[in-house]
Each structure stands twice: as C-alpha cells, then as structure tokens.
Amino acid sequence: MLMDQGWCATSLLLRIRDGDFEGTNLAGQNAVVGFHFPGPTLYDANGIGRIYTDDNASEDQRAAIETILQGGSGGGMEVPASLVSNWLPSKTASIVVSEDDGKIKARIGDVGKVVSRRLVNELGNKMTMQNSAFSMAFQLDDHHGDLSPSNGTSWKDADMPVAWEGKSGVAGQVSWSG
C-alpha cells in the first residue's frame, strides 16, 4: 500500500461499552490512538503512535488500555500495533464523544477531533464494507463496518511529524479478547 502523500496518519477512537482486562473494569472508558506512518508503505513497520486515555480513567484503567492498544495482549490491536516501532508516552486528555442520527463527534483535548457520519443509501440502510483487510485486521464483528466518511477530523500533536486532516472513516463494533 503506497501512500498518496508519502505518509499516512490516522486516529482510532474506541468507546468501551463493557469489558475488563485482568480484573480492571474498563466499562464506560474512551481512548484514542494517534498513528503516523512515514512510508513509503504502511507495512514498513516504522510507525509512530500515541495513546490518549480519558482524564477520568484510573491509573489501572490507563495501564490496561495502554497494554491492549499497544498490542500487548493480542487481540484486535496486535496487527496494527506491530506496525508501530515508536510508541510516544501515553497522555491523558478530556475525551468527549457524542453520536446523534449517525453523526459521530469527538474532541480529544486540544490535539484532535473526530467528525464522521455513517453513510446511508436512498432507502435509509447503512452502507457498509465487509471482509476488507481493515475490518479483518481490527477484528470488527463479522468483519463488517459502517462507512463513515469524515468532514472535520483533524489532528495536531506537536510530537508527531505532521498535523493532518482526515476524510475517510469506518464505524464498527468489536469484541476483543487476547
């Protein structure tokens, strides 16, 4: 996968509805991973990543989320995390998420925002992707995700090589275990 700008950057927003990690309850937590892949391909495994946990998370919750999102417990982040050779220190931030009528909005402190809307066809049915490399790598339930392009997603972390704006997006459910 050659990158059209010579690099690729993205953010991954997770809203944990319920679950635990080694006895630590994670229900209700939000977290975001910011990624930058300098190229020339996504699979060169020289990416940079940073995890943002919600500032209301306990130390145990932060540590559990960091382990999961850095692929340390296997599961849905094992493959994506293996493409990152430089994990920047994790940070806490206010992560505020809302969803209304298919539109998802999130503000991550002063570094980023996610704005996307689930696409629907003329009959009002969600437009989806299924069995793609993306949906399989992240282990989306039934390898199925709702197409959710972005209009307003942006990221600016001073420790990342570039600030960026996003246009593509997928929303889906996962049931991870490691």
N, C-alpha and C. Protein backbone atom coordinates (compact mmCIF):
# COMPACT_ATOMS: atom_id res chain seq x y z
N MET A 1 0.83 -1.18 0.00
CA MET A 1 0.00 0.00 0.00
C MET A 1 0.88 1.25 0.00
N LEU A 2 1.10 1.81 -1.17
CA LEU A 2 1.83 3.07 -1.26
C LEU A 2 0.93 4.20 -0.79
N MET A 3 1.52 5.16 -0.12
CA MET A 3 0.75 6.25 0.45
C MET A 3 0.74 7.44 -0.49
N ASP A 4 -0.42 8.01 -0.73
CA ASP A 4 -0.56 9.06 -1.73
C ASP A 4 0.18 10.34 -1.36
N GLN A 5 0.47 10.57 -0.09
CA GLN A 5 1.22 11.76 0.32
C GLN A 5 2.65 11.40 0.70
N GLY A 6 3.01 10.13 0.54
CA GLY A 6 4.31 9.67 1.01
C GLY A 6 4.28 9.28 2.47
N TRP A 7 3.19 9.53 3.15
CA TRP A 7 2.98 9.18 4.55
C TRP A 7 1.48 8.99 4.78
N CYS A 8 1.13 8.43 5.93
CA CYS A 8 -0.27 8.22 6.29
C CYS A 8 -0.41 8.50 7.79
N ALA A 9 -1.52 9.13 8.16
CA ALA A 9 -1.80 9.37 9.57
C ALA A 9 -3.28 9.13 9.81
N THR A 10 -3.60 8.68 11.01
CA THR A 10 -5.00 8.42 11.35
C THR A 10 -5.16 8.39 12.86
N SER A 11 -6.40 8.45 13.28
CA SER A 11 -6.72 8.26 14.69
C SER A 11 -7.78 7.17 14.79
N LEU A 12 -7.75 6.46 15.88
CA LEU A 12 -8.69 5.38 16.14
C LEU A 12 -9.36 5.67 17.47
N LEU A 13 -10.66 5.93 17.43
CA LEU A 13 -11.44 6.23 18.63
C LEU A 13 -12.11 4.96 19.11
N LEU A 14 -11.96 4.66 20.40
CA LEU A 14 -12.61 3.49 21.00
C LEU A 14 -13.49 3.94 22.14
N ARG A 15 -14.74 3.48 22.11
CA ARG A 15 -15.68 3.70 23.21
C ARG A 15 -15.97 2.33 23.80
N ILE A 16 -15.51 2.11 25.00
CA ILE A 16 -15.63 0.79 25.62
C ILE A 16 -16.95 0.72 26.36
N ARG A 17 -17.84 -0.09 25.82
CA ARG A 17 -19.17 -0.21 26.45
C ARG A 17 -19.12 -1.08 27.68
N ASP A 18 -18.46 -2.22 27.58
CA ASP A 18 -18.26 -3.05 28.76
C ASP A 18 -17.06 -3.94 28.51
N GLY A 19 -16.48 -4.41 29.59
CA GLY A 19 -15.33 -5.29 29.49
C GLY A 19 -14.33 -5.01 30.59
N ASP A 20 -13.37 -5.90 30.70
CA ASP A 20 -12.32 -5.74 31.70
C ASP A 20 -11.03 -6.33 31.15
N PHE A 21 -9.96 -5.97 31.81
CA PHE A 21 -8.64 -6.50 31.48
C PHE A 21 -7.98 -6.90 32.78
N GLU A 22 -7.75 -8.19 32.93
CA GLU A 22 -7.09 -8.74 34.11
C GLU A 22 -7.69 -8.17 35.41
N GLY A 23 -9.03 -8.14 35.45
CA GLY A 23 -9.74 -7.71 36.65
C GLY A 23 -9.99 -6.22 36.75
N THR A 24 -9.48 -5.42 35.81
CA THR A 24 -9.73 -3.98 35.82
C THR A 24 -10.93 -3.68 34.93
N ASN A 25 -11.96 -3.11 35.51
CA ASN A 25 -13.17 -2.77 34.77
C ASN A 25 -12.89 -1.59 33.84
N LEU A 26 -13.21 -1.76 32.55
CA LEU A 26 -12.97 -0.70 31.57
C LEU A 26 -14.27 -0.11 31.03
N ALA A 27 -15.41 -0.57 31.53
CA ALA A 27 -16.71 -0.10 31.04
C ALA A 27 -16.81 1.42 31.12
N GLY A 28 -17.28 2.02 30.05
CA GLY A 28 -17.50 3.46 30.01
C GLY A 28 -16.29 4.30 29.65
N GLN A 29 -15.16 3.67 29.44
CA GLN A 29 -13.95 4.43 29.12
C GLN A 29 -13.87 4.73 27.62
N ASN A 30 -13.26 5.86 27.30
CA ASN A 30 -12.94 6.23 25.93
C ASN A 30 -11.43 6.32 25.80
N ALA A 31 -10.93 5.98 24.63
CA ALA A 31 -9.50 6.09 24.36
C ALA A 31 -9.31 6.36 22.87
N VAL A 32 -8.18 6.96 22.55
CA VAL A 32 -7.85 7.26 21.16
C VAL A 32 -6.40 6.90 20.94
N VAL A 33 -6.12 6.35 19.75
CA VAL A 33 -4.74 6.12 19.33
C VAL A 33 -4.49 7.01 18.13
N GLY A 34 -3.43 7.79 18.19
CA GLY A 34 -3.00 8.57 17.04
C GLY A 34 -1.83 7.85 16.40
N PHE A 35 -1.89 7.68 15.08
CA PHE A 35 -0.83 6.99 14.34
C PHE A 35 -0.25 7.89 13.26
N HIS A 36 1.04 7.74 13.01
CA HIS A 36 1.69 8.34 11.85
C HIS A 36 2.61 7.28 11.25
N PHE A 37 2.46 7.04 9.95
CA PHE A 37 3.29 6.09 9.23
C PHE A 37 4.06 6.86 8.16
N PRO A 38 5.40 6.97 8.29
CA PRO A 38 6.16 7.80 7.38
C PRO A 38 6.36 7.21 5.98
N GLY A 39 6.02 5.96 5.78
CA GLY A 39 6.13 5.36 4.45
C GLY A 39 7.52 4.85 4.17
N PRO A 40 7.76 4.40 2.97
CA PRO A 40 6.92 4.62 1.78
C PRO A 40 5.67 3.74 1.72
N THR A 41 5.60 2.66 2.54
CA THR A 41 4.36 1.88 2.57
C THR A 41 3.91 1.75 4.02
N LEU A 42 2.68 1.38 4.19
CA LEU A 42 2.12 1.20 5.52
C LEU A 42 2.81 0.06 6.26
N TYR A 43 3.27 -0.92 5.54
CA TYR A 43 3.79 -2.16 6.15
C TYR A 43 5.29 -2.14 6.42
N ASP A 44 5.91 -0.96 6.38
CA ASP A 44 7.33 -0.86 6.70
C ASP A 44 7.59 -1.00 8.20
N ALA A 45 6.54 -0.93 8.99
CA ALA A 45 6.61 -1.12 10.44
C ALA A 45 7.49 -0.09 11.12
N ASN A 46 7.47 1.14 10.62
CA ASN A 46 8.24 2.20 11.30
C ASN A 46 7.32 3.34 11.73
N GLY A 47 6.10 2.99 12.12
CA GLY A 47 5.13 3.99 12.53
C GLY A 47 5.40 4.56 13.90
N ILE A 48 4.73 5.68 14.16
CA ILE A 48 4.77 6.35 15.46
C ILE A 48 3.34 6.33 16.00
N GLY A 49 3.19 6.04 17.28
CA GLY A 49 1.86 6.01 17.87
C GLY A 49 1.83 6.66 19.23
N ARG A 50 0.67 7.16 19.59
CA ARG A 50 0.45 7.68 20.94
C ARG A 50 -0.98 7.34 21.36
N ILE A 51 -1.11 6.94 22.60
CA ILE A 51 -2.42 6.60 23.17
C ILE A 51 -2.86 7.74 24.09
N TYR A 52 -4.13 8.09 23.94
CA TYR A 52 -4.75 9.10 24.79
C TYR A 52 -5.87 8.40 25.56
N THR A 53 -5.79 8.43 26.88
CA THR A 53 -6.87 7.90 27.70
C THR A 53 -7.63 9.06 28.31
N ASP A 54 -8.90 8.82 28.59
CA ASP A 54 -9.74 9.86 29.15
C ASP A 54 -9.20 10.27 30.52
N ASP A 55 -9.25 11.55 30.79
CA ASP A 55 -8.69 12.03 32.06
C ASP A 55 -9.45 11.55 33.29
N ASN A 56 -10.60 10.89 33.11
CA ASN A 56 -11.32 10.34 34.26
C ASN A 56 -10.93 8.89 34.54
N ALA A 57 -10.03 8.31 33.73
CA ALA A 57 -9.60 6.92 33.93
C ALA A 57 -8.65 6.81 35.12
N SER A 58 -8.77 5.70 35.84
CA SER A 58 -7.84 5.44 36.95
C SER A 58 -6.49 5.00 36.37
N GLU A 59 -5.48 4.97 37.22
CA GLU A 59 -4.16 4.50 36.78
C GLU A 59 -4.23 3.07 36.25
N ASP A 60 -5.00 2.19 36.94
CA ASP A 60 -5.14 0.81 36.49
C ASP A 60 -5.82 0.75 35.13
N GLN A 61 -6.85 1.58 34.93
CA GLN A 61 -7.54 1.61 33.63
C GLN A 61 -6.60 2.11 32.53
N ARG A 62 -5.83 3.15 32.82
CA ARG A 62 -4.88 3.67 31.83
C ARG A 62 -3.87 2.59 31.43
N ALA A 63 -3.32 1.91 32.43
CA ALA A 63 -2.33 0.87 32.15
C ALA A 63 -2.93 -0.26 31.33
N ALA A 64 -4.15 -0.67 31.65
CA ALA A 64 -4.82 -1.74 30.90
C ALA A 64 -5.07 -1.32 29.46
N ILE A 65 -5.58 -0.11 29.27
CA ILE A 65 -5.87 0.38 27.92
C ILE A 65 -4.59 0.49 27.11
N GLU A 66 -3.52 0.96 27.73
CA GLU A 66 -2.23 1.07 27.03
C GLU A 66 -1.74 -0.31 26.59
N THR A 67 -1.82 -1.29 27.48
CA THR A 67 -1.39 -2.65 27.13
C THR A 67 -2.19 -3.19 25.95
N ILE A 68 -3.50 -3.01 25.99
CA ILE A 68 -4.37 -3.50 24.91
C ILE A 68 -4.06 -2.80 23.60
N LEU A 69 -4.00 -1.46 23.62
CA LEU A 69 -3.85 -0.71 22.37
C LEU A 69 -2.45 -0.80 21.78
N GLN A 70 -1.46 -1.15 22.59
CA GLN A 70 -0.12 -1.37 22.05
C GLN A 70 0.08 -2.83 21.63
N GLY A 71 -1.01 -3.60 21.64
CA GLY A 71 -0.97 -4.98 21.16
C GLY A 71 -0.38 -5.97 22.13
N GLY A 72 -0.16 -5.56 23.38
CA GLY A 72 0.49 -6.42 24.36
C GLY A 72 -0.35 -7.58 24.85
N SER A 73 -1.64 -7.58 24.53
CA SER A 73 -2.49 -8.69 24.98
C SER A 73 -3.03 -9.49 23.80
N GLY A 74 -2.48 -9.27 22.61
CA GLY A 74 -3.01 -9.93 21.42
C GLY A 74 -4.30 -9.25 21.02
N GLY A 75 -5.19 -9.96 20.40
CA GLY A 75 -6.49 -9.40 20.04
C GLY A 75 -6.42 -8.44 18.87
N GLY A 76 -7.43 -7.58 18.80
CA GLY A 76 -7.64 -6.72 17.64
C GLY A 76 -6.58 -5.68 17.38
N MET A 77 -5.74 -5.35 18.34
CA MET A 77 -4.70 -4.36 18.10
C MET A 77 -3.33 -4.98 17.83
N GLU A 78 -3.24 -6.28 17.88
CA GLU A 78 -1.94 -6.92 17.70
C GLU A 78 -1.31 -6.59 16.35
N VAL A 79 -2.06 -6.72 15.27
CA VAL A 79 -1.51 -6.45 13.93
C VAL A 79 -1.25 -4.96 13.74
N PRO A 80 -2.24 -4.08 13.97
CA PRO A 80 -1.96 -2.65 13.77
C PRO A 80 -0.79 -2.15 14.64
N ALA A 81 -0.74 -2.58 15.90
CA ALA A 81 0.34 -2.13 16.79
C ALA A 81 1.70 -2.64 16.34
N SER A 82 1.73 -3.76 15.64
CA SER A 82 3.02 -4.29 15.17
C SER A 82 3.64 -3.40 14.10
N LEU A 83 2.86 -2.48 13.53
CA LEU A 83 3.38 -1.56 12.51
C LEU A 83 4.00 -0.32 13.14
N VAL A 84 3.96 -0.22 14.46
CA VAL A 84 4.49 0.93 15.18
C VAL A 84 5.81 0.55 15.86
N SER A 85 6.88 1.24 15.51
CA SER A 85 8.17 0.98 16.14
C SER A 85 8.49 2.01 17.23
N ASN A 86 7.74 3.12 17.26
CA ASN A 86 8.00 4.18 18.23
C ASN A 86 6.69 4.58 18.91
N TRP A 87 6.50 4.09 20.13
CA TRP A 87 5.33 4.50 20.92
C TRP A 87 5.74 5.69 21.77
N LEU A 88 5.13 6.84 21.52
CA LEU A 88 5.36 8.02 22.35
C LEU A 88 4.67 7.79 23.69
N PRO A 89 5.12 8.47 24.75
CA PRO A 89 4.47 8.29 26.05
C PRO A 89 2.98 8.61 25.94
N SER A 90 2.18 7.77 26.57
CA SER A 90 0.73 7.98 26.58
C SER A 90 0.40 9.26 27.31
N LYS A 91 -0.75 9.84 26.95
CA LYS A 91 -1.22 11.06 27.59
C LYS A 91 -2.67 10.89 28.02
N THR A 92 -3.07 11.70 28.97
CA THR A 92 -4.47 11.79 29.33
C THR A 92 -5.03 13.07 28.72
N ALA A 93 -6.31 13.03 28.39
CA ALA A 93 -6.98 14.18 27.81
C ALA A 93 -8.48 14.05 28.08
N SER A 94 -9.15 15.14 28.05
CA SER A 94 -10.60 15.09 28.09
C SER A 94 -11.07 14.55 26.74
N ILE A 95 -11.77 13.43 26.76
CA ILE A 95 -12.30 12.82 25.53
C ILE A 95 -13.82 12.87 25.62
N VAL A 96 -14.41 13.73 24.82
CA VAL A 96 -15.85 13.93 24.83
C VAL A 96 -16.40 13.40 23.52
N VAL A 97 -17.34 12.44 23.61
CA VAL A 97 -17.88 11.77 22.42
C VAL A 97 -19.40 11.92 22.42
N SER A 98 -19.94 12.19 21.23
CA SER A 98 -21.39 12.20 21.08
C SER A 98 -21.75 11.54 19.76
N GLU A 99 -22.92 10.95 19.71
CA GLU A 99 -23.43 10.37 18.47
C GLU A 99 -24.92 10.69 18.40
N ASP A 100 -25.30 11.26 17.26
CA ASP A 100 -26.69 11.63 17.07
C ASP A 100 -27.04 11.45 15.60
N ASP A 101 -28.07 10.66 15.33
CA ASP A 101 -28.56 10.45 13.97
C ASP A 101 -27.44 10.05 13.00
N GLY A 102 -26.55 9.16 13.46
CA GLY A 102 -25.48 8.64 12.61
C GLY A 102 -24.24 9.50 12.55
N LYS A 103 -24.26 10.68 13.18
CA LYS A 103 -23.10 11.57 13.17
C LYS A 103 -22.33 11.37 14.47
N ILE A 104 -21.05 11.08 14.34
CA ILE A 104 -20.18 10.84 15.48
C ILE A 104 -19.23 12.03 15.60
N LYS A 105 -19.15 12.60 16.81
CA LYS A 105 -18.23 13.69 17.08
C LYS A 105 -17.44 13.36 18.33
N ALA A 106 -16.16 13.68 18.30
CA ALA A 106 -15.32 13.51 19.48
C ALA A 106 -14.29 14.62 19.52
N ARG A 107 -14.04 15.10 20.71
CA ARG A 107 -12.97 16.08 20.92
C ARG A 107 -11.98 15.43 21.87
N ILE A 108 -10.72 15.44 21.49
CA ILE A 108 -9.66 14.83 22.28
C ILE A 108 -8.75 15.96 22.75
N GLY A 109 -9.01 16.45 23.95
CA GLY A 109 -8.22 17.56 24.49
C GLY A 109 -8.05 18.66 23.48
N ASP A 110 -6.81 19.14 23.37
CA ASP A 110 -6.51 20.18 22.39
C ASP A 110 -5.72 19.64 21.20
N VAL A 111 -5.67 18.29 21.05
CA VAL A 111 -4.89 17.72 19.95
C VAL A 111 -5.72 17.24 18.77
N GLY A 112 -6.98 16.90 19.00
CA GLY A 112 -7.70 16.35 17.87
C GLY A 112 -9.20 16.37 18.00
N LYS A 113 -9.82 16.17 16.84
CA LYS A 113 -11.26 15.99 16.82
C LYS A 113 -11.59 14.98 15.73
N VAL A 114 -12.66 14.26 15.97
CA VAL A 114 -13.17 13.28 15.02
C VAL A 114 -14.60 13.70 14.69
N VAL A 115 -14.88 13.81 13.42
CA VAL A 115 -16.22 14.14 12.96
C VAL A 115 -16.52 13.22 11.79
N SER A 116 -17.51 12.36 11.92
CA SER A 116 -17.87 11.47 10.81
C SER A 116 -19.36 11.20 10.83
N ARG A 117 -19.86 10.75 9.71
CA ARG A 117 -21.28 10.43 9.59
C ARG A 117 -21.41 9.11 8.85
N ARG A 118 -22.21 8.21 9.45
CA ARG A 118 -22.48 6.94 8.79
C ARG A 118 -23.26 7.21 7.49
N LEU A 119 -22.79 6.62 6.40
CA LEU A 119 -23.47 6.77 5.12
C LEU A 119 -24.70 5.86 5.07
N VAL A 120 -25.77 6.37 4.50
CA VAL A 120 -26.96 5.57 4.26
C VAL A 120 -27.36 5.72 2.79
N ASN A 121 -27.99 4.68 2.25
CA ASN A 121 -28.44 4.74 0.86
C ASN A 121 -29.82 5.39 0.79
N GLU A 122 -30.36 5.44 -0.41
CA GLU A 122 -31.65 6.12 -0.61
C GLU A 122 -32.79 5.45 0.15
N LEU A 123 -32.60 4.20 0.59
CA LEU A 123 -33.63 3.51 1.39
C LEU A 123 -33.41 3.70 2.89
N GLY A 124 -32.34 4.41 3.26
CA GLY A 124 -32.04 4.63 4.66
C GLY A 124 -31.22 3.53 5.31
N ASN A 125 -30.73 2.58 4.50
CA ASN A 125 -29.90 1.49 5.03
C ASN A 125 -28.44 1.92 5.10
N LYS A 126 -27.75 1.50 6.15
CA LYS A 126 -26.33 1.83 6.30
C LYS A 126 -25.54 1.22 5.15
N MET A 127 -24.58 1.99 4.65
CA MET A 127 -23.67 1.49 3.63
C MET A 127 -22.46 0.91 4.37
N THR A 128 -22.05 -0.28 3.98
CA THR A 128 -21.04 -0.99 4.75
C THR A 128 -19.89 -1.49 3.88
N MET A 129 -18.82 -1.86 4.58
CA MET A 129 -17.74 -2.63 3.95
C MET A 129 -17.62 -3.91 4.76
N GLN A 130 -17.25 -4.97 4.07
CA GLN A 130 -17.17 -6.26 4.74
C GLN A 130 -16.00 -7.04 4.18
N ASN A 131 -15.34 -7.79 5.07
CA ASN A 131 -14.23 -8.67 4.71
C ASN A 131 -13.07 -7.94 4.06
N SER A 132 -12.85 -6.68 4.42
CA SER A 132 -11.69 -5.94 3.92
C SER A 132 -10.50 -6.20 4.84
N ALA A 133 -9.31 -5.88 4.39
CA ALA A 133 -8.12 -6.05 5.23
C ALA A 133 -8.28 -5.26 6.52
N PHE A 134 -8.86 -4.05 6.42
CA PHE A 134 -9.07 -3.20 7.60
C PHE A 134 -10.00 -3.88 8.59
N SER A 135 -11.16 -4.34 8.12
CA SER A 135 -12.14 -4.92 9.04
C SER A 135 -11.65 -6.24 9.62
N MET A 136 -10.80 -6.93 8.90
CA MET A 136 -10.25 -8.18 9.41
C MET A 136 -9.12 -7.92 10.39
N ALA A 137 -8.23 -6.95 10.09
CA ALA A 137 -7.10 -6.66 10.97
C ALA A 137 -7.57 -6.18 12.34
N PHE A 138 -8.59 -5.32 12.37
CA PHE A 138 -9.09 -4.80 13.63
C PHE A 138 -10.14 -5.71 14.27
N GLN A 139 -10.43 -6.83 13.62
CA GLN A 139 -11.38 -7.82 14.11
C GLN A 139 -12.76 -7.22 14.40
N LEU A 140 -13.25 -6.41 13.44
CA LEU A 140 -14.61 -5.90 13.57
C LEU A 140 -15.57 -7.08 13.57
N ASP A 141 -16.63 -7.00 14.37
CA ASP A 141 -17.60 -8.09 14.44
C ASP A 141 -18.08 -8.44 13.04
N ASP A 142 -18.06 -9.71 12.72
CA ASP A 142 -18.44 -10.22 11.40
C ASP A 142 -17.66 -9.57 10.26
N HIS A 143 -16.49 -8.99 10.60
CA HIS A 143 -15.63 -8.31 9.60
C HIS A 143 -16.43 -7.29 8.82
N HIS A 144 -17.24 -6.52 9.54
CA HIS A 144 -18.22 -5.63 8.95
C HIS A 144 -18.12 -4.25 9.62
N GLY A 145 -18.08 -3.19 8.80
CA GLY A 145 -18.06 -1.83 9.35
C GLY A 145 -18.95 -0.91 8.54
N ASP A 146 -19.46 0.11 9.19
CA ASP A 146 -20.28 1.12 8.51
C ASP A 146 -19.37 2.18 7.91
N LEU A 147 -19.55 2.48 6.63
CA LEU A 147 -18.78 3.55 6.01
C LEU A 147 -19.17 4.86 6.67
N SER A 148 -18.18 5.59 7.16
CA SER A 148 -18.43 6.81 7.94
C SER A 148 -17.39 7.86 7.57
N PRO A 149 -17.51 8.44 6.38
CA PRO A 149 -16.51 9.43 5.98
C PRO A 149 -16.49 10.63 6.92
N SER A 150 -15.37 11.29 6.93
CA SER A 150 -15.14 12.40 7.83
C SER A 150 -15.29 13.74 7.11
N ASN A 151 -15.78 14.68 7.85
CA ASN A 151 -15.81 16.06 7.40
C ASN A 151 -15.48 16.90 8.62
N GLY A 152 -14.18 17.09 8.87
CA GLY A 152 -13.78 17.88 10.02
C GLY A 152 -12.83 17.18 10.97
N THR A 153 -12.45 15.94 10.69
CA THR A 153 -11.48 15.26 11.54
C THR A 153 -10.11 15.91 11.34
N SER A 154 -9.45 16.21 12.45
CA SER A 154 -8.12 16.81 12.36
C SER A 154 -7.29 16.41 13.58
N TRP A 155 -5.99 16.50 13.41
CA TRP A 155 -5.07 16.08 14.46
C TRP A 155 -3.85 16.97 14.45
N LYS A 156 -3.44 17.42 15.63
CA LYS A 156 -2.24 18.25 15.74
C LYS A 156 -1.57 17.98 17.08
N ASP A 157 -0.67 17.01 17.07
CA ASP A 157 0.12 16.66 18.25
C ASP A 157 1.54 17.13 17.94
N ALA A 158 2.06 18.01 18.75
CA ALA A 158 3.38 18.60 18.48
C ALA A 158 4.49 17.56 18.40
N ASP A 159 4.29 16.38 18.99
CA ASP A 159 5.31 15.34 18.96
C ASP A 159 5.21 14.43 17.73
N MET A 160 4.16 14.59 16.95
CA MET A 160 4.00 13.82 15.72
C MET A 160 4.62 14.60 14.56
N PRO A 161 5.07 13.91 13.53
CA PRO A 161 5.75 14.60 12.43
C PRO A 161 4.89 15.60 11.65
N VAL A 162 3.59 15.36 11.56
CA VAL A 162 2.73 16.26 10.78
C VAL A 162 1.38 16.43 11.47
N ALA A 163 0.77 17.58 11.22
CA ALA A 163 -0.64 17.77 11.55
C ALA A 163 -1.41 17.32 10.32
N TRP A 164 -2.61 16.81 10.49
CA TRP A 164 -3.34 16.28 9.34
C TRP A 164 -4.84 16.44 9.50
N GLU A 165 -5.52 16.32 8.38
CA GLU A 165 -6.97 16.28 8.35
C GLU A 165 -7.39 15.00 7.66
N GLY A 166 -8.45 14.37 8.14
CA GLY A 166 -8.89 13.09 7.59
C GLY A 166 -10.17 13.22 6.81
N LYS A 167 -10.37 12.29 5.90
CA LYS A 167 -11.58 12.27 5.09
C LYS A 167 -12.30 10.92 5.15
N SER A 168 -11.59 9.85 5.42
CA SER A 168 -12.22 8.53 5.41
C SER A 168 -12.52 8.09 6.83
N GLY A 169 -13.41 7.11 6.94
CA GLY A 169 -13.73 6.61 8.27
C GLY A 169 -14.63 5.39 8.19
N VAL A 170 -14.56 4.60 9.24
CA VAL A 170 -15.38 3.40 9.40
C VAL A 170 -15.78 3.33 10.87
N ALA A 171 -17.05 2.98 11.11
CA ALA A 171 -17.52 2.77 12.47
C ALA A 171 -17.96 1.34 12.58
N GLY A 172 -17.58 0.68 13.67
CA GLY A 172 -17.96 -0.72 13.82
C GLY A 172 -17.87 -1.16 15.26
N GLN A 173 -18.37 -2.35 15.50
CA GLN A 173 -18.33 -2.96 16.82
C GLN A 173 -17.22 -4.01 16.83
N VAL A 174 -16.55 -4.12 17.97
CA VAL A 174 -15.55 -5.16 18.14
C VAL A 174 -15.80 -5.89 19.44
N SER A 175 -15.42 -7.13 19.47
CA SER A 175 -15.46 -7.94 20.69
C SER A 175 -14.07 -8.56 20.80
N TRP A 176 -13.16 -7.83 21.44
CA TRP A 176 -11.78 -8.27 21.50
C TRP A 176 -11.53 -9.15 22.72
N SER A 177 -10.63 -10.09 22.53
CA SER A 177 -10.09 -10.84 23.66
C SER A 177 -8.67 -11.20 23.28
N GLY A 178 -7.86 -11.42 24.27
CA GLY A 178 -6.46 -11.72 24.00
C GLY A 178 -6.00 -12.88 24.83
